[in-house]
């Protein structure tokens, strides 16, 4: 496996890339472009979230967690964007736990202008294969708000199975939101 800090995966239309603090302008641009769209689905952030220093530090910290094997975030770029100028989304495998658990939590988001084209499903399919085949994790968990029909369709298309309802799981826009708990298992390990 290549150096995790330079890890890139490809799909038919995308490059999935681990990035560091030098990509803070692209990350900030992504979040500024999608600020209103993401409010509906993500926990509240402070105003400093929309600054370059915030994303430089966030990407530095995330890269440390990736190197330690506790997290893995891929940023999504269209294949023709060879200079990686415009991020169109990201997906993360967080809270990676080894030992007897071999599990993690999945989160993902896509640029509002790119939804309903199958891009996030394409990216997740490739990234899940990597996590199962290369990292040898056994279980990936995804928690989705019941009203988020697009996201529910994505995980269901990928083979995740609904295991139940997590009541008041995450605070979104000041409200504790229930989430459906989905899981996919790696039967090869």
C-alpha atoms as a PDB file:
ATOM      1  CA  UNK A   1       0.000   0.000   0.000  1.00  0.00           C
ATOM      2  CA  UNK A   2       1.254   3.486  -0.842  1.00  0.00           C
ATOM      3  CA  UNK A   3       2.118   6.042   1.830  1.00  0.00           C
ATOM      4  CA  UNK A   4      -1.197   6.923   3.520  1.00  0.00           C
ATOM      5  CA  UNK A   5      -0.381  10.649   3.354  1.00  0.00           C
ATOM      6  CA  UNK A   6      -0.300  10.509  -0.461  1.00  0.00           C
ATOM      7  CA  UNK A   7      -3.118   8.017  -0.840  1.00  0.00           C
ATOM      8  CA  UNK A   8      -5.298   8.469  -3.912  1.00  0.00           C
ATOM      9  CA  UNK A   9      -8.028   6.145  -5.133  1.00  0.00           C
ATOM     10  CA  UNK A  10      -9.700   6.462  -8.505  1.00  0.00           C
ATOM     11  CA  UNK A  11     -13.128   5.646  -9.867  1.00  0.00           C
ATOM     12  CA  UNK A  12     -14.601   6.137 -13.307  1.00  0.00           C
ATOM     13  CA  UNK A  13     -15.243   9.859 -12.678  1.00  0.00           C
ATOM     14  CA  UNK A  14     -13.421  10.748  -9.456  1.00  0.00           C
ATOM     15  CA  UNK A  15     -10.164  10.897  -7.556  1.00  0.00           C
ATOM     16  CA  UNK A  16     -10.449  10.275  -3.815  1.00  0.00           C
ATOM     17  CA  UNK A  17      -7.502  11.930  -2.103  1.00  0.00           C
ATOM     18  CA  UNK A  18      -6.089  12.214   1.410  1.00  0.00           C
ATOM     19  CA  UNK A  19      -5.124  15.861   1.837  1.00  0.00           C
ATOM     20  CA  UNK A  20      -3.071  17.906   4.279  1.00  0.00           C
ATOM     21  CA  UNK A  21      -3.063  21.548   5.408  1.00  0.00           C
ATOM     22  CA  UNK A  22      -1.766  22.767   2.049  1.00  0.00           C
ATOM     23  CA  UNK A  23      -5.276  22.008   0.717  1.00  0.00           C
ATOM     24  CA  UNK A  24      -6.996  24.298   3.236  1.00  0.00           C
ATOM     25  CA  UNK A  25      -8.054  26.760   0.483  1.00  0.00           C
ATOM     26  CA  UNK A  26      -9.885  23.969  -1.380  1.00  0.00           C
ATOM     27  CA  UNK A  27     -11.559  22.708   1.823  1.00  0.00           C
ATOM     28  CA  UNK A  28     -12.628  26.212   2.826  1.00  0.00           C
ATOM     29  CA  UNK A  29     -13.965  26.899  -0.672  1.00  0.00           C
ATOM     30  CA  UNK A  30     -16.014  23.677  -0.518  1.00  0.00           C
ATOM     31  CA  UNK A  31     -17.595  24.608   2.823  1.00  0.00           C
ATOM     32  CA  UNK A  32     -18.258  28.221   1.794  1.00  0.00           C
ATOM     33  CA  UNK A  33     -19.964  27.093  -1.441  1.00  0.00           C
ATOM     34  CA  UNK A  34     -22.119  24.604   0.466  1.00  0.00           C
ATOM     35  CA  UNK A  35     -22.701  26.535   3.683  1.00  0.00           C
ATOM     36  CA  UNK A  36     -26.489  26.870   3.381  1.00  0.00           C
ATOM     37  CA  UNK A  37     -26.935  23.352   1.978  1.00  0.00           C
ATOM     38  CA  UNK A  38     -24.981  21.590   4.748  1.00  0.00           C
ATOM     39  CA  UNK A  39     -26.692  23.392   7.648  1.00  0.00           C
ATOM     40  CA  UNK A  40     -29.682  21.077   7.228  1.00  0.00           C
ATOM     41  CA  UNK A  41     -27.635  17.916   7.828  1.00  0.00           C
ATOM     42  CA  UNK A  42     -24.589  18.801   9.955  1.00  0.00           C
ATOM     43  CA  UNK A  43     -23.969  19.859  13.547  1.00  0.00           C
ATOM     44  CA  UNK A  44     -23.609  23.614  14.052  1.00  0.00           C
ATOM     45  CA  UNK A  45     -20.159  25.132  13.570  1.00  0.00           C
ATOM     46  CA  UNK A  46     -18.673  28.373  14.828  1.00  0.00           C
ATOM     47  CA  UNK A  47     -17.921  31.313  12.540  1.00  0.00           C
ATOM     48  CA  UNK A  48     -14.185  30.548  12.647  1.00  0.00           C
ATOM     49  CA  UNK A  49     -15.000  27.309  10.798  1.00  0.00           C
ATOM     50  CA  UNK A  50     -15.251  29.503   7.702  1.00  0.00           C
ATOM     51  CA  UNK A  51     -11.651  30.741   7.920  1.00  0.00           C
ATOM     52  CA  UNK A  52      -8.440  29.530   6.303  1.00  0.00           C
ATOM     53  CA  UNK A  53      -6.518  29.094   9.608  1.00  0.00           C
ATOM     54  CA  UNK A  54      -9.301  26.864  10.930  1.00  0.00           C
ATOM     55  CA  UNK A  55      -9.034  24.495   7.957  1.00  0.00           C
ATOM     56  CA  UNK A  56      -5.240  24.514   7.993  1.00  0.00           C
ATOM     57  CA  UNK A  57      -5.341  23.305  11.604  1.00  0.00           C
ATOM     58  CA  UNK A  58      -8.234  20.903  10.996  1.00  0.00           C
ATOM     59  CA  UNK A  59      -6.465  19.241   8.072  1.00  0.00           C
ATOM     60  CA  UNK A  60      -3.196  19.042  10.042  1.00  0.00           C
ATOM     61  CA  UNK A  61      -5.000  17.354  12.953  1.00  0.00           C
ATOM     62  CA  UNK A  62      -6.913  15.015  10.647  1.00  0.00           C
ATOM     63  CA  UNK A  63      -3.708  13.998   8.891  1.00  0.00           C
ATOM     64  CA  UNK A  64      -2.203  13.031  12.260  1.00  0.00           C
ATOM     65  CA  UNK A  65      -5.244  10.845  13.004  1.00  0.00           C
ATOM     66  CA  UNK A  66      -4.948   9.259   9.549  1.00  0.00           C
ATOM     67  CA  UNK A  67      -1.254   8.485  10.104  1.00  0.00           C
ATOM     68  CA  UNK A  68      -2.120   6.996  13.514  1.00  0.00           C
ATOM     69  CA  UNK A  69      -4.753   4.777  11.866  1.00  0.00           C
ATOM     70  CA  UNK A  70      -7.658   6.244  13.858  1.00  0.00           C
ATOM     71  CA  UNK A  71      -9.416   7.956  10.962  1.00  0.00           C
ATOM     72  CA  UNK A  72      -9.379   8.142   7.172  1.00  0.00           C
ATOM     73  CA  UNK A  73     -10.849  11.042   5.199  1.00  0.00           C
ATOM     74  CA  UNK A  74     -10.880  11.226   1.426  1.00  0.00           C
ATOM     75  CA  UNK A  75     -11.661  14.453  -0.397  1.00  0.00           C
ATOM     76  CA  UNK A  76     -13.400  14.070  -3.745  1.00  0.00           C
ATOM     77  CA  UNK A  77     -12.183  15.698  -6.950  1.00  0.00           C
ATOM     78  CA  UNK A  78     -13.410  15.186 -10.487  1.00  0.00           C
ATOM     79  CA  UNK A  79     -10.960  13.129 -12.519  1.00  0.00           C
ATOM     80  CA  UNK A  80     -10.319  15.940 -14.993  1.00  0.00           C
ATOM     81  CA  UNK A  81      -9.277  18.269 -12.110  1.00  0.00           C
ATOM     82  CA  UNK A  82      -5.648  17.104 -12.204  1.00  0.00           C
ATOM     83  CA  UNK A  83      -4.455  20.106 -10.156  1.00  0.00           C
ATOM     84  CA  UNK A  84      -6.995  19.324  -7.392  1.00  0.00           C
ATOM     85  CA  UNK A  85      -8.364  22.854  -7.488  1.00  0.00           C
ATOM     86  CA  UNK A  86     -12.025  22.217  -6.579  1.00  0.00           C
ATOM     87  CA  UNK A  87     -13.109  19.715  -3.958  1.00  0.00           C
ATOM     88  CA  UNK A  88     -16.656  18.453  -4.537  1.00  0.00           C
ATOM     89  CA  UNK A  89     -17.122  16.499  -1.320  1.00  0.00           C
ATOM     90  CA  UNK A  90     -15.519  14.266   1.236  1.00  0.00           C
ATOM     91  CA  UNK A  91     -16.080  11.015   3.030  1.00  0.00           C
ATOM     92  CA  UNK A  92     -14.624   9.855   6.305  1.00  0.00           C
ATOM     93  CA  UNK A  93     -14.167   6.656   8.227  1.00  0.00           C
ATOM     94  CA  UNK A  94     -13.982   7.947  11.807  1.00  0.00           C
ATOM     95  CA  UNK A  95     -13.467   6.331  15.189  1.00  0.00           C
ATOM     96  CA  UNK A  96     -11.508   3.424  13.737  1.00  0.00           C
ATOM     97  CA  UNK A  97     -11.179   0.863  16.510  1.00  0.00           C
ATOM     98  CA  UNK A  98      -8.956  -2.179  16.126  1.00  0.00           C
ATOM     99  CA  UNK A  99      -8.646  -5.254  18.358  1.00  0.00           C
ATOM    100  CA  UNK A 100     -11.731  -7.411  18.615  1.00  0.00           C
ATOM    101  CA  UNK A 101     -13.961  -4.626  17.214  1.00  0.00           C
ATOM    102  CA  UNK A 102     -12.339  -3.774  13.804  1.00  0.00           C
ATOM    103  CA  UNK A 103     -14.987  -1.142  13.148  1.00  0.00           C
ATOM    104  CA  UNK A 104     -15.559   2.507  12.256  1.00  0.00           C
ATOM    105  CA  UNK A 105     -18.220   5.132  11.584  1.00  0.00           C
ATOM    106  CA  UNK A 106     -18.849   6.521   8.110  1.00  0.00           C
ATOM    107  CA  UNK A 107     -19.732  10.105   7.242  1.00  0.00           C
ATOM    108  CA  UNK A 108     -19.966  11.733   3.827  1.00  0.00           C
ATOM    109  CA  UNK A 109     -21.130  14.853   2.021  1.00  0.00           C
ATOM    110  CA  UNK A 110     -21.260  16.094  -1.535  1.00  0.00           C
ATOM    111  CA  UNK A 111     -21.424  19.496  -3.169  1.00  0.00           C
ATOM    112  CA  UNK A 112     -25.046  20.547  -3.638  1.00  0.00           C
ATOM    113  CA  UNK A 113     -24.429  21.085  -7.374  1.00  0.00           C
ATOM    114  CA  UNK A 114     -23.228  17.475  -7.773  1.00  0.00           C
ATOM    115  CA  UNK A 115     -26.005  15.530  -6.037  1.00  0.00           C
ATOM    116  CA  UNK A 116     -28.261  13.025  -7.799  1.00  0.00           C
ATOM    117  CA  UNK A 117     -25.549  11.937 -10.259  1.00  0.00           C
ATOM    118  CA  UNK A 118     -24.355   8.815  -8.433  1.00  0.00           C
ATOM    119  CA  UNK A 119     -21.015  10.391  -7.522  1.00  0.00           C
ATOM    120  CA  UNK A 120     -21.162   9.790  -3.761  1.00  0.00           C
ATOM    121  CA  UNK A 121     -22.250   6.175  -4.306  1.00  0.00           C
ATOM    122  CA  UNK A 122     -19.363   5.700  -6.753  1.00  0.00           C
ATOM    123  CA  UNK A 123     -16.870   7.236  -4.291  1.00  0.00           C
ATOM    124  CA  UNK A 124     -18.169   5.286  -1.306  1.00  0.00           C
ATOM    125  CA  UNK A 125     -18.125   1.978  -3.185  1.00  0.00           C
ATOM    126  CA  UNK A 126     -14.411   2.447  -3.940  1.00  0.00           C
ATOM    127  CA  UNK A 127     -13.544   3.702  -0.453  1.00  0.00           C
ATOM    128  CA  UNK A 128     -15.427   0.884   1.291  1.00  0.00           C
ATOM    129  CA  UNK A 129     -13.580  -1.670  -0.846  1.00  0.00           C
ATOM    130  CA  UNK A 130     -10.309  -0.065   0.257  1.00  0.00           C
ATOM    131  CA  UNK A 131     -11.265  -0.088   3.942  1.00  0.00           C
ATOM    132  CA  UNK A 132     -12.354  -3.726   3.779  1.00  0.00           C
ATOM    133  CA  UNK A 133      -9.567  -5.038   1.511  1.00  0.00           C
ATOM    134  CA  UNK A 134      -6.573  -2.975   2.668  1.00  0.00           C
ATOM    135  CA  UNK A 135      -7.395  -1.924   6.231  1.00  0.00           C
ATOM    136  CA  UNK A 136      -9.173  -5.219   6.943  1.00  0.00           C
ATOM    137  CA  UNK A 137     -11.969  -3.633   8.981  1.00  0.00           C
ATOM    138  CA  UNK A 138     -14.926  -5.891   9.697  1.00  0.00           C
ATOM    139  CA  UNK A 139     -17.749  -3.385  10.228  1.00  0.00           C
ATOM    140  CA  UNK A 140     -18.700   0.077   8.968  1.00  0.00           C
ATOM    141  CA  UNK A 141     -21.552   1.925  10.667  1.00  0.00           C
ATOM    142  CA  UNK A 142     -23.492   4.820   9.140  1.00  0.00           C
ATOM    143  CA  UNK A 143     -26.128   6.866  10.958  1.00  0.00           C
ATOM    144  CA  UNK A 144     -28.644   8.757   8.840  1.00  0.00           C
ATOM    145  CA  UNK A 145     -31.561  11.018   9.762  1.00  0.00           C
ATOM    146  CA  UNK A 146     -34.818   9.284   8.748  1.00  0.00           C
ATOM    147  CA  UNK A 147     -35.867  12.317   6.661  1.00  0.00           C
ATOM    148  CA  UNK A 148     -32.617  12.263   4.654  1.00  0.00           C
ATOM    149  CA  UNK A 149     -34.017  10.130   1.844  1.00  0.00           C
ATOM    150  CA  UNK A 150     -31.069  10.704  -0.539  1.00  0.00           C
ATOM    151  CA  UNK A 151     -28.546   9.500   2.027  1.00  0.00           C
ATOM    152  CA  UNK A 152     -30.685   6.520   2.974  1.00  0.00           C
ATOM    153  CA  UNK A 153     -30.842   5.471  -0.692  1.00  0.00           C
ATOM    154  CA  UNK A 154     -27.049   5.728  -0.952  1.00  0.00           C
ATOM    155  CA  UNK A 155     -26.302   3.394   1.962  1.00  0.00           C
ATOM    156  CA  UNK A 156     -29.029   0.968   0.945  1.00  0.00           C
ATOM    157  CA  UNK A 157     -27.645   0.789  -2.640  1.00  0.00           C
ATOM    158  CA  UNK A 158     -24.231  -0.002  -1.149  1.00  0.00           C
ATOM    159  CA  UNK A 159     -25.591  -2.946   0.844  1.00  0.00           C
ATOM    160  CA  UNK A 160     -25.848  -1.402   4.308  1.00  0.00           C
ATOM    161  CA  UNK A 161     -28.527  -3.006   6.473  1.00  0.00           C
ATOM    162  CA  UNK A 162     -30.697  -0.983   8.841  1.00  0.00           C
ATOM    163  CA  UNK A 163     -30.206  -2.211  12.419  1.00  0.00           C
ATOM    164  CA  UNK A 164     -32.483   0.180  14.268  1.00  0.00           C
ATOM    165  CA  UNK A 165     -33.221   3.695  15.415  1.00  0.00           C
ATOM    166  CA  UNK A 166     -30.827   5.701  17.579  1.00  0.00           C
ATOM    167  CA  UNK A 167     -33.041   8.152  19.476  1.00  0.00           C
ATOM    168  CA  UNK A 168     -31.804  11.731  19.827  1.00  0.00           C
ATOM    169  CA  UNK A 169     -28.448  10.697  18.353  1.00  0.00           C
ATOM    170  CA  UNK A 170     -26.987  13.991  17.122  1.00  0.00           C
ATOM    171  CA  UNK A 171     -27.771  17.682  17.607  1.00  0.00           C
ATOM    172  CA  UNK A 172     -28.536  19.358  14.269  1.00  0.00           C
ATOM    173  CA  UNK A 173     -29.665  22.993  14.107  1.00  0.00           C
ATOM    174  CA  UNK A 174     -30.257  22.957  17.881  1.00  0.00           C
ATOM    175  CA  UNK A 175     -32.464  19.845  17.844  1.00  0.00           C
ATOM    176  CA  UNK A 176     -31.543  16.321  18.958  1.00  0.00           C
ATOM    177  CA  UNK A 177     -32.248  14.305  15.822  1.00  0.00           C
ATOM    178  CA  UNK A 178     -33.031  10.585  15.688  1.00  0.00           C
ATOM    179  CA  UNK A 179     -30.859   8.604  13.266  1.00  0.00           C
ATOM    180  CA  UNK A 180     -31.321   5.272  11.551  1.00  0.00           C
ATOM    181  CA  UNK A 181     -28.380   2.995  12.282  1.00  0.00           C
ATOM    182  CA  UNK A 182     -27.018   1.194   9.195  1.00  0.00           C
ATOM    183  CA  UNK A 183     -24.208  -1.376   9.054  1.00  0.00           C
ATOM    184  CA  UNK A 184     -22.233  -3.184   6.390  1.00  0.00           C
ATOM    185  CA  UNK A 185     -20.000  -6.138   7.251  1.00  0.00           C
ATOM    186  CA  UNK A 186     -16.828  -7.414   5.654  1.00  0.00           C
ATOM    187  CA  UNK A 187     -17.307 -11.170   5.557  1.00  0.00           C
ATOM    188  CA  UNK A 188     -13.737 -11.731   4.271  1.00  0.00           C
ATOM    189  CA  UNK A 189     -12.144 -11.057   7.678  1.00  0.00           C
END
